[in-house]
N, C-alpha and C. Protein backbone atom coordinates (compact mmCIF):
# COMPACT_ATOMS: atom_id res chain seq x y z
N MET A 1 97.87 56.63 59.11
CA MET A 1 98.71 57.64 59.72
C MET A 1 99.27 57.15 61.06
N TRP A 2 98.53 56.26 61.77
CA TRP A 2 98.94 55.79 63.09
C TRP A 2 98.34 54.41 63.33
N LYS A 3 98.86 53.74 64.36
CA LYS A 3 98.31 52.44 64.77
C LYS A 3 98.49 52.27 66.27
N GLU A 4 97.66 51.44 66.88
CA GLU A 4 97.79 51.12 68.29
C GLU A 4 98.91 50.09 68.45
N LYS A 5 99.68 50.25 69.52
CA LYS A 5 100.79 49.33 69.77
C LYS A 5 101.17 49.43 71.23
N LYS A 6 101.86 48.43 71.75
CA LYS A 6 102.36 48.49 73.12
C LYS A 6 103.24 49.72 73.25
N SER A 7 103.02 50.47 74.33
CA SER A 7 103.71 51.74 74.52
C SER A 7 104.93 51.58 75.41
N LYS A 8 105.97 52.36 75.13
CA LYS A 8 107.13 52.43 76.02
C LYS A 8 106.81 53.30 77.23
N ILE A 9 105.76 54.13 77.11
CA ILE A 9 105.38 55.04 78.20
C ILE A 9 104.43 54.36 79.17
N HIS A 10 103.30 53.84 78.65
CA HIS A 10 102.29 53.26 79.53
C HIS A 10 101.27 52.48 78.70
N GLY A 11 101.09 51.22 79.01
CA GLY A 11 100.03 50.42 78.39
C GLY A 11 100.10 50.41 76.87
N THR A 12 99.00 50.80 76.26
CA THR A 12 98.89 50.90 74.81
C THR A 12 99.17 52.34 74.41
N GLY A 13 99.79 52.52 73.26
CA GLY A 13 100.06 53.85 72.74
C GLY A 13 99.64 53.95 71.29
N ILE A 14 99.74 55.14 70.75
CA ILE A 14 99.48 55.36 69.34
C ILE A 14 100.82 55.68 68.68
N ILE A 15 101.18 54.89 67.68
CA ILE A 15 102.47 55.00 67.02
C ILE A 15 102.24 55.48 65.59
N ALA A 16 103.04 56.44 65.14
CA ALA A 16 102.96 56.93 63.76
C ALA A 16 103.38 55.81 62.82
N ASP A 17 102.56 55.50 61.82
CA ASP A 17 102.97 54.48 60.85
C ASP A 17 103.43 55.12 59.53
N CYS A 18 103.62 56.45 59.58
CA CYS A 18 104.23 57.20 58.49
C CYS A 18 104.74 58.51 59.09
N ASP A 19 105.54 59.24 58.37
CA ASP A 19 105.98 60.55 58.85
C ASP A 19 104.77 61.48 58.90
N ILE A 20 104.68 62.28 59.95
CA ILE A 20 103.58 63.24 60.11
C ILE A 20 104.20 64.62 60.20
N LYS A 21 103.73 65.53 59.38
CA LYS A 21 104.27 66.89 59.37
C LYS A 21 103.72 67.70 60.54
N LYS A 22 104.54 68.64 60.99
CA LYS A 22 104.15 69.60 62.03
C LYS A 22 102.85 70.29 61.60
N ASN A 23 101.99 70.56 62.58
CA ASN A 23 100.70 71.24 62.39
C ASN A 23 99.67 70.41 61.64
N SER A 24 99.80 69.08 61.69
CA SER A 24 98.81 68.20 61.08
C SER A 24 97.76 67.80 62.11
N GLN A 25 96.49 67.86 61.72
CA GLN A 25 95.42 67.37 62.57
C GLN A 25 95.44 65.85 62.42
N ILE A 26 95.57 65.13 63.55
CA ILE A 26 95.83 63.70 63.47
C ILE A 26 94.60 62.85 63.78
N ILE A 27 93.98 63.10 64.92
CA ILE A 27 92.88 62.24 65.36
C ILE A 27 91.96 63.02 66.29
N GLN A 28 90.68 62.71 66.23
CA GLN A 28 89.70 63.34 67.12
C GLN A 28 89.50 62.46 68.35
N TYR A 29 89.42 63.11 69.52
CA TYR A 29 89.10 62.42 70.76
C TYR A 29 87.57 62.40 70.85
N VAL A 30 86.98 61.22 70.75
CA VAL A 30 85.53 61.10 70.69
C VAL A 30 85.00 60.28 71.85
N GLY A 31 83.71 60.41 72.10
CA GLY A 31 83.06 59.65 73.15
C GLY A 31 81.73 60.27 73.50
N GLU A 32 81.24 59.92 74.67
CA GLU A 32 79.95 60.42 75.15
C GLU A 32 80.12 61.79 75.78
N LYS A 33 79.29 62.74 75.36
CA LYS A 33 79.31 64.08 75.95
C LYS A 33 78.49 64.02 77.24
N ILE A 34 79.14 64.39 78.35
CA ILE A 34 78.50 64.31 79.66
C ILE A 34 78.73 65.62 80.42
N THR A 35 77.91 65.85 81.44
CA THR A 35 78.09 67.05 82.26
C THR A 35 79.35 66.93 83.10
N LYS A 36 79.84 68.07 83.58
CA LYS A 36 81.01 68.07 84.47
C LYS A 36 80.75 67.20 85.70
N LYS A 37 79.56 67.34 86.26
CA LYS A 37 79.21 66.58 87.47
C LYS A 37 79.32 65.07 87.20
N GLU A 38 78.79 64.64 86.05
CA GLU A 38 78.85 63.23 85.69
C GLU A 38 80.30 62.82 85.40
N GLY A 39 81.06 63.70 84.76
CA GLY A 39 82.47 63.43 84.50
C GLY A 39 83.26 63.24 85.78
N ASP A 40 83.00 64.10 86.76
CA ASP A 40 83.66 63.98 88.06
C ASP A 40 83.28 62.67 88.75
N ARG A 41 82.00 62.31 88.66
CA ARG A 41 81.53 61.07 89.28
C ARG A 41 82.21 59.86 88.65
N ARG A 42 82.22 59.80 87.31
CA ARG A 42 82.83 58.67 86.61
C ARG A 42 84.34 58.61 86.88
N SER A 43 84.99 59.76 86.91
CA SER A 43 86.43 59.79 87.21
C SER A 43 86.71 59.20 88.58
N ALA A 44 85.94 59.63 89.58
CA ALA A 44 86.14 59.15 90.95
C ALA A 44 85.95 57.64 91.03
N VAL A 45 84.93 57.12 90.36
CA VAL A 45 84.67 55.67 90.37
C VAL A 45 85.85 54.93 89.74
N ARG A 46 86.33 55.42 88.60
CA ARG A 46 87.43 54.74 87.90
C ARG A 46 88.73 54.83 88.68
N ILE A 47 89.00 55.98 89.27
CA ILE A 47 90.23 56.13 90.06
C ILE A 47 90.20 55.18 91.25
N LYS A 48 89.07 55.10 91.92
CA LYS A 48 88.94 54.19 93.07
C LYS A 48 89.12 52.74 92.62
N LYS A 49 88.57 52.39 91.46
CA LYS A 49 88.68 51.02 90.94
C LYS A 49 90.13 50.64 90.67
N TYR A 50 90.92 51.59 90.15
CA TYR A 50 92.29 51.31 89.76
C TYR A 50 93.32 51.61 90.83
N LEU A 51 92.89 52.18 91.95
CA LEU A 51 93.81 52.66 92.98
C LEU A 51 94.86 51.64 93.40
N ASN A 52 94.47 50.40 93.56
CA ASN A 52 95.40 49.40 94.06
C ASN A 52 95.96 48.48 92.97
N LYS A 53 95.69 48.81 91.70
CA LYS A 53 96.19 47.99 90.60
C LYS A 53 97.40 48.67 89.99
N LYS A 54 98.50 47.93 89.93
CA LYS A 54 99.73 48.47 89.37
C LYS A 54 99.56 48.69 87.86
N ASN A 55 100.12 49.81 87.37
CA ASN A 55 100.14 50.13 85.95
C ASN A 55 98.74 50.35 85.36
N GLU A 56 97.80 50.72 86.18
CA GLU A 56 96.45 51.02 85.73
C GLU A 56 96.12 52.46 86.05
N GLY A 57 94.92 52.86 85.79
CA GLY A 57 94.50 54.20 86.15
C GLY A 57 93.97 55.00 84.98
N SER A 58 93.60 54.34 83.91
CA SER A 58 93.09 55.03 82.74
C SER A 58 91.65 55.47 82.96
N VAL A 59 91.45 56.78 83.03
CA VAL A 59 90.14 57.32 83.35
C VAL A 59 89.39 57.73 82.08
N TYR A 60 90.08 58.31 81.10
CA TYR A 60 89.54 58.68 79.79
C TYR A 60 88.45 59.74 79.82
N ILE A 61 88.39 60.56 80.86
CA ILE A 61 87.46 61.69 80.90
C ILE A 61 88.24 62.92 80.47
N PHE A 62 87.78 63.60 79.42
CA PHE A 62 88.49 64.73 78.84
C PHE A 62 87.63 65.97 78.92
N GLU A 63 88.19 67.05 79.44
CA GLU A 63 87.43 68.30 79.57
C GLU A 63 87.19 68.92 78.20
N LEU A 64 85.91 69.11 77.86
CA LEU A 64 85.55 69.75 76.60
C LEU A 64 85.45 71.27 76.78
N ASN A 65 84.74 71.69 77.84
CA ASN A 65 84.58 73.11 78.15
C ASN A 65 84.15 73.24 79.61
N ASN A 66 83.67 74.40 80.01
CA ASN A 66 83.28 74.62 81.41
C ASN A 66 82.05 73.84 81.84
N LYS A 67 81.24 73.38 80.89
CA LYS A 67 80.01 72.66 81.22
C LYS A 67 80.06 71.16 80.97
N TYR A 68 80.89 70.76 79.99
CA TYR A 68 80.85 69.37 79.55
C TYR A 68 82.24 68.72 79.47
N ASP A 69 82.21 67.40 79.61
CA ASP A 69 83.38 66.55 79.42
C ASP A 69 83.04 65.55 78.32
N ILE A 70 84.06 64.88 77.82
CA ILE A 70 83.87 63.76 76.91
C ILE A 70 84.39 62.51 77.61
N ASP A 71 83.54 61.50 77.72
CA ASP A 71 83.96 60.20 78.25
C ASP A 71 84.44 59.40 77.05
N GLY A 72 85.74 59.28 76.93
CA GLY A 72 86.35 58.60 75.79
C GLY A 72 86.71 57.16 76.05
N SER A 73 86.04 56.51 76.98
CA SER A 73 86.40 55.15 77.37
C SER A 73 85.92 54.08 76.39
N PHE A 74 85.27 54.49 75.33
CA PHE A 74 84.66 53.55 74.39
C PHE A 74 85.69 53.02 73.38
N ALA A 75 85.50 51.78 72.94
CA ALA A 75 86.45 51.12 72.04
C ALA A 75 86.66 51.89 70.74
N TYR A 76 85.67 52.62 70.29
CA TYR A 76 85.81 53.36 69.03
C TYR A 76 86.67 54.62 69.17
N ASN A 77 87.12 54.95 70.37
CA ASN A 77 87.94 56.14 70.59
C ASN A 77 89.42 55.74 70.72
N ASN A 78 90.09 55.59 69.60
CA ASN A 78 91.51 55.22 69.63
C ASN A 78 92.39 56.31 70.22
N ALA A 79 91.94 57.56 70.17
CA ALA A 79 92.75 58.67 70.71
C ALA A 79 92.98 58.51 72.21
N ARG A 80 92.19 57.71 72.89
CA ARG A 80 92.36 57.53 74.33
C ARG A 80 93.70 56.89 74.66
N TYR A 81 94.34 56.28 73.68
CA TYR A 81 95.62 55.62 73.91
C TYR A 81 96.82 56.54 73.76
N ILE A 82 96.61 57.81 73.46
CA ILE A 82 97.74 58.73 73.37
C ILE A 82 98.16 59.10 74.78
N ASN A 83 99.42 58.85 75.09
CA ASN A 83 99.94 59.04 76.44
C ASN A 83 100.47 60.45 76.66
N HIS A 84 100.62 60.79 77.93
CA HIS A 84 101.21 62.07 78.35
C HIS A 84 102.72 62.03 78.16
N SER A 85 103.30 63.18 77.86
CA SER A 85 104.75 63.33 77.87
C SER A 85 105.12 64.73 78.33
N CYS A 86 106.24 64.82 79.03
CA CYS A 86 106.79 66.12 79.42
C CYS A 86 107.48 66.80 78.25
N ASN A 87 107.68 66.07 77.16
CA ASN A 87 108.25 66.61 75.92
C ASN A 87 107.37 66.11 74.76
N PRO A 88 106.14 66.61 74.68
CA PRO A 88 105.17 66.07 73.73
C PRO A 88 105.46 66.46 72.27
N ASN A 89 104.90 65.65 71.36
CA ASN A 89 104.99 65.98 69.94
C ASN A 89 103.63 66.39 69.38
N CYS A 90 102.62 66.41 70.24
CA CYS A 90 101.27 66.80 69.85
C CYS A 90 100.67 67.75 70.88
N GLU A 91 99.56 68.36 70.52
CA GLU A 91 98.80 69.20 71.45
C GLU A 91 97.32 68.98 71.18
N VAL A 92 96.52 69.44 72.11
CA VAL A 92 95.07 69.33 71.99
C VAL A 92 94.52 70.66 71.52
N ASP A 93 93.64 70.60 70.54
CA ASP A 93 92.92 71.78 70.06
C ASP A 93 91.43 71.48 70.16
N ILE A 94 90.69 72.42 70.74
CA ILE A 94 89.23 72.27 70.76
C ILE A 94 88.69 73.20 69.69
N VAL A 95 88.09 72.59 68.67
CA VAL A 95 87.60 73.30 67.50
C VAL A 95 86.12 72.98 67.33
N LYS A 96 85.27 74.00 67.45
CA LYS A 96 83.81 73.83 67.29
C LYS A 96 83.28 72.70 68.16
N ASN A 97 83.67 72.72 69.44
CA ASN A 97 83.26 71.71 70.43
C ASN A 97 83.68 70.29 70.08
N GLU A 98 84.78 70.18 69.36
CA GLU A 98 85.39 68.88 69.08
C GLU A 98 86.83 68.92 69.57
N ILE A 99 87.29 67.81 70.12
CA ILE A 99 88.65 67.70 70.64
C ILE A 99 89.51 67.02 69.57
N TRP A 100 90.54 67.73 69.13
CA TRP A 100 91.45 67.21 68.11
C TRP A 100 92.88 67.17 68.64
N ILE A 101 93.60 66.14 68.25
CA ILE A 101 95.01 66.02 68.56
C ILE A 101 95.78 66.37 67.28
N SER A 102 96.69 67.35 67.41
CA SER A 102 97.46 67.83 66.26
C SER A 102 98.94 67.79 66.60
N SER A 103 99.76 67.64 65.58
CA SER A 103 101.22 67.58 65.78
C SER A 103 101.78 68.99 65.98
N ILE A 104 102.72 69.11 66.90
CA ILE A 104 103.41 70.39 67.12
C ILE A 104 104.87 70.29 66.68
N LYS A 105 105.24 69.11 66.21
CA LYS A 105 106.59 68.85 65.69
C LYS A 105 106.43 67.91 64.50
N ASN A 106 107.47 67.81 63.70
CA ASN A 106 107.50 66.74 62.71
C ASN A 106 107.67 65.43 63.47
N ILE A 107 106.87 64.44 63.13
CA ILE A 107 106.90 63.15 63.82
C ILE A 107 107.33 62.09 62.81
N LYS A 108 108.32 61.32 63.17
CA LYS A 108 108.84 60.28 62.28
C LYS A 108 108.06 58.98 62.45
N LYS A 109 107.99 58.23 61.38
CA LYS A 109 107.39 56.90 61.42
C LYS A 109 108.00 56.11 62.57
N GLY A 110 107.16 55.48 63.38
CA GLY A 110 107.63 54.67 64.51
C GLY A 110 107.63 55.41 65.84
N GLU A 111 107.49 56.75 65.82
CA GLU A 111 107.45 57.52 67.07
C GLU A 111 106.06 57.41 67.70
N GLU A 112 106.05 57.40 69.03
CA GLU A 112 104.78 57.39 69.75
C GLU A 112 104.23 58.81 69.86
N LEU A 113 102.94 58.96 69.61
CA LEU A 113 102.28 60.25 69.76
C LEU A 113 102.05 60.52 71.24
N SER A 114 102.22 61.79 71.64
CA SER A 114 102.02 62.17 73.04
C SER A 114 101.63 63.63 73.12
N TYR A 115 100.98 63.98 74.23
CA TYR A 115 100.68 65.39 74.48
C TYR A 115 100.73 65.63 75.98
N ASP A 116 100.76 66.89 76.37
CA ASP A 116 100.75 67.29 77.78
C ASP A 116 99.30 67.20 78.25
N TYR A 117 99.03 66.33 79.22
CA TYR A 117 97.66 66.15 79.70
C TYR A 117 97.13 67.40 80.40
N GLY A 118 98.01 68.29 80.80
CA GLY A 118 97.55 69.57 81.35
C GLY A 118 96.98 69.50 82.75
N TYR A 119 97.39 68.51 83.54
CA TYR A 119 96.88 68.44 84.92
C TYR A 119 97.43 69.63 85.71
N PRO A 120 96.56 70.35 86.40
CA PRO A 120 97.05 71.46 87.22
C PRO A 120 97.86 70.92 88.40
N PHE A 121 98.85 71.69 88.85
CA PHE A 121 99.63 71.28 90.01
C PHE A 121 98.80 71.46 91.27
N ASP A 122 98.66 70.38 92.03
CA ASP A 122 97.95 70.39 93.31
C ASP A 122 98.84 69.67 94.32
N PRO A 123 99.34 70.41 95.33
CA PRO A 123 100.25 69.79 96.31
C PRO A 123 99.64 68.59 97.02
N GLU A 124 98.32 68.50 97.03
CA GLU A 124 97.64 67.40 97.73
C GLU A 124 97.64 66.09 96.94
N ASP A 125 97.64 66.16 95.60
CA ASP A 125 97.49 64.90 94.86
C ASP A 125 98.40 64.71 93.66
N PHE A 126 99.37 65.60 93.43
CA PHE A 126 100.21 65.45 92.24
C PHE A 126 100.97 64.13 92.24
N LYS A 127 101.29 63.61 93.43
CA LYS A 127 102.05 62.36 93.51
C LYS A 127 101.23 61.15 93.06
N ASP A 128 99.91 61.33 92.93
CA ASP A 128 99.06 60.25 92.42
C ASP A 128 99.20 60.08 90.91
N HIS A 129 99.87 61.03 90.25
CA HIS A 129 99.96 61.03 88.79
C HIS A 129 101.42 60.97 88.36
N VAL A 130 102.03 59.80 88.53
CA VAL A 130 103.43 59.60 88.19
C VAL A 130 103.58 59.58 86.67
N CYS A 131 104.59 60.28 86.18
CA CYS A 131 104.87 60.32 84.74
C CYS A 131 105.89 59.24 84.40
N ARG A 132 105.63 58.55 83.30
CA ARG A 132 106.54 57.50 82.84
C ARG A 132 107.08 57.80 81.44
N CYS A 133 107.05 59.07 81.04
CA CYS A 133 107.39 59.40 79.66
C CYS A 133 108.85 59.12 79.32
N GLY A 134 109.74 59.24 80.30
CA GLY A 134 111.15 58.94 80.06
C GLY A 134 111.92 59.99 79.29
N SER A 135 111.32 61.14 79.02
CA SER A 135 112.04 62.18 78.27
C SER A 135 113.08 62.84 79.18
N LYS A 136 114.07 63.48 78.58
CA LYS A 136 115.10 64.17 79.35
C LYS A 136 114.49 65.32 80.15
N LYS A 137 113.37 65.87 79.68
CA LYS A 137 112.68 66.97 80.35
C LYS A 137 111.74 66.51 81.47
N CYS A 138 111.55 65.21 81.64
CA CYS A 138 110.53 64.69 82.55
C CYS A 138 110.74 65.20 83.98
N ILE A 139 109.64 65.66 84.59
CA ILE A 139 109.72 66.13 85.97
C ILE A 139 109.20 65.08 86.96
N GLY A 140 108.79 63.93 86.45
CA GLY A 140 108.39 62.82 87.32
C GLY A 140 106.91 62.70 87.59
N TYR A 141 106.16 63.75 87.27
CA TYR A 141 104.72 63.74 87.52
C TYR A 141 103.98 64.36 86.34
N ILE A 142 102.74 63.96 86.16
CA ILE A 142 101.92 64.51 85.08
C ILE A 142 101.34 65.84 85.56
N ILE A 143 102.08 66.88 85.26
CA ILE A 143 101.71 68.25 85.64
C ILE A 143 101.80 69.11 84.38
N SER A 144 100.82 69.94 84.16
CA SER A 144 100.84 70.85 83.02
C SER A 144 102.15 71.64 83.00
N GLN A 145 102.74 71.77 81.83
CA GLN A 145 103.98 72.55 81.72
C GLN A 145 103.76 73.99 82.20
N ASP A 146 102.55 74.50 82.08
CA ASP A 146 102.24 75.84 82.59
C ASP A 146 102.41 75.91 84.11
N ASP A 147 102.25 74.78 84.80
CA ASP A 147 102.36 74.74 86.26
C ASP A 147 103.71 74.27 86.77
N TRP A 148 104.67 74.00 85.88
CA TRP A 148 105.99 73.58 86.33
C TRP A 148 106.63 74.60 87.27
N PRO A 149 106.49 75.91 87.03
CA PRO A 149 107.06 76.87 87.99
C PRO A 149 106.46 76.74 89.39
N LYS A 150 105.16 76.45 89.50
CA LYS A 150 104.51 76.24 90.80
C LYS A 150 105.11 75.01 91.48
N TYR A 151 105.30 73.94 90.70
CA TYR A 151 105.87 72.71 91.23
C TYR A 151 107.30 72.95 91.74
N LYS A 152 108.10 73.67 90.96
CA LYS A 152 109.49 73.95 91.37
C LYS A 152 109.53 74.81 92.62
N LYS A 153 108.62 75.77 92.73
CA LYS A 153 108.54 76.62 93.93
C LYS A 153 108.15 75.77 95.14
N TYR A 154 107.23 74.84 94.95
CA TYR A 154 106.81 73.92 96.00
C TYR A 154 108.00 73.09 96.48
N LEU A 155 108.79 72.56 95.54
CA LEU A 155 109.97 71.77 95.91
C LEU A 155 110.98 72.59 96.70
N LYS A 156 111.20 73.84 96.29
CA LYS A 156 112.14 74.71 97.01
C LYS A 156 111.67 74.95 98.44
N ARG A 157 110.36 75.20 98.61
CA ARG A 157 109.81 75.42 99.96
C ARG A 157 109.98 74.17 100.81
N LYS A 158 109.69 73.01 100.24
CA LYS A 158 109.82 71.74 100.99
C LYS A 158 111.27 71.51 101.40
N LYS A 159 112.18 71.78 100.48
CA LYS A 159 113.60 71.58 100.77
C LYS A 159 114.06 72.55 101.85
N LYS A 160 113.60 73.79 101.76
CA LYS A 160 113.96 74.81 102.75
C LYS A 160 113.43 74.46 104.14
N ASN A 161 112.23 73.87 104.19
CA ASN A 161 111.58 73.53 105.46
C ASN A 161 112.03 72.17 106.02
N ALA A 162 112.81 71.44 105.25
CA ALA A 162 113.24 70.08 105.68
C ALA A 162 114.39 70.15 106.66
């Protein structure tokens, strides 16, 4: 259904090797189940490690629920290569404490799979998460589409105060 390949968005990506119908469950995001505290610790270590390296920054910590995260940094977790997009063709579904990536559009053979990473808008650090998706809808940063209105309001305030 898919294969790993060099991505036009960032690093390695997951490319459809056949047409995928809308609402298809594609791949599970797997890894070590860890506490939130441990997830935060591992994220901080990885972010610090990649801070000064260009085109790096893959943390692979995925929120499972309010208590646990999944550390998907292991080689057996191919889903870690699915990149963020401001115009995604997939979404994340958590079903029975499992993280699944499913299509929200028909995906043609050769298209890269992507989803909205869902990062909340934070005026203090949003600039640390530059988006490279290249879609016409791209807002330049990896910010949850739910928070785009907050980001736009922030920009208006900055422009008004400039």
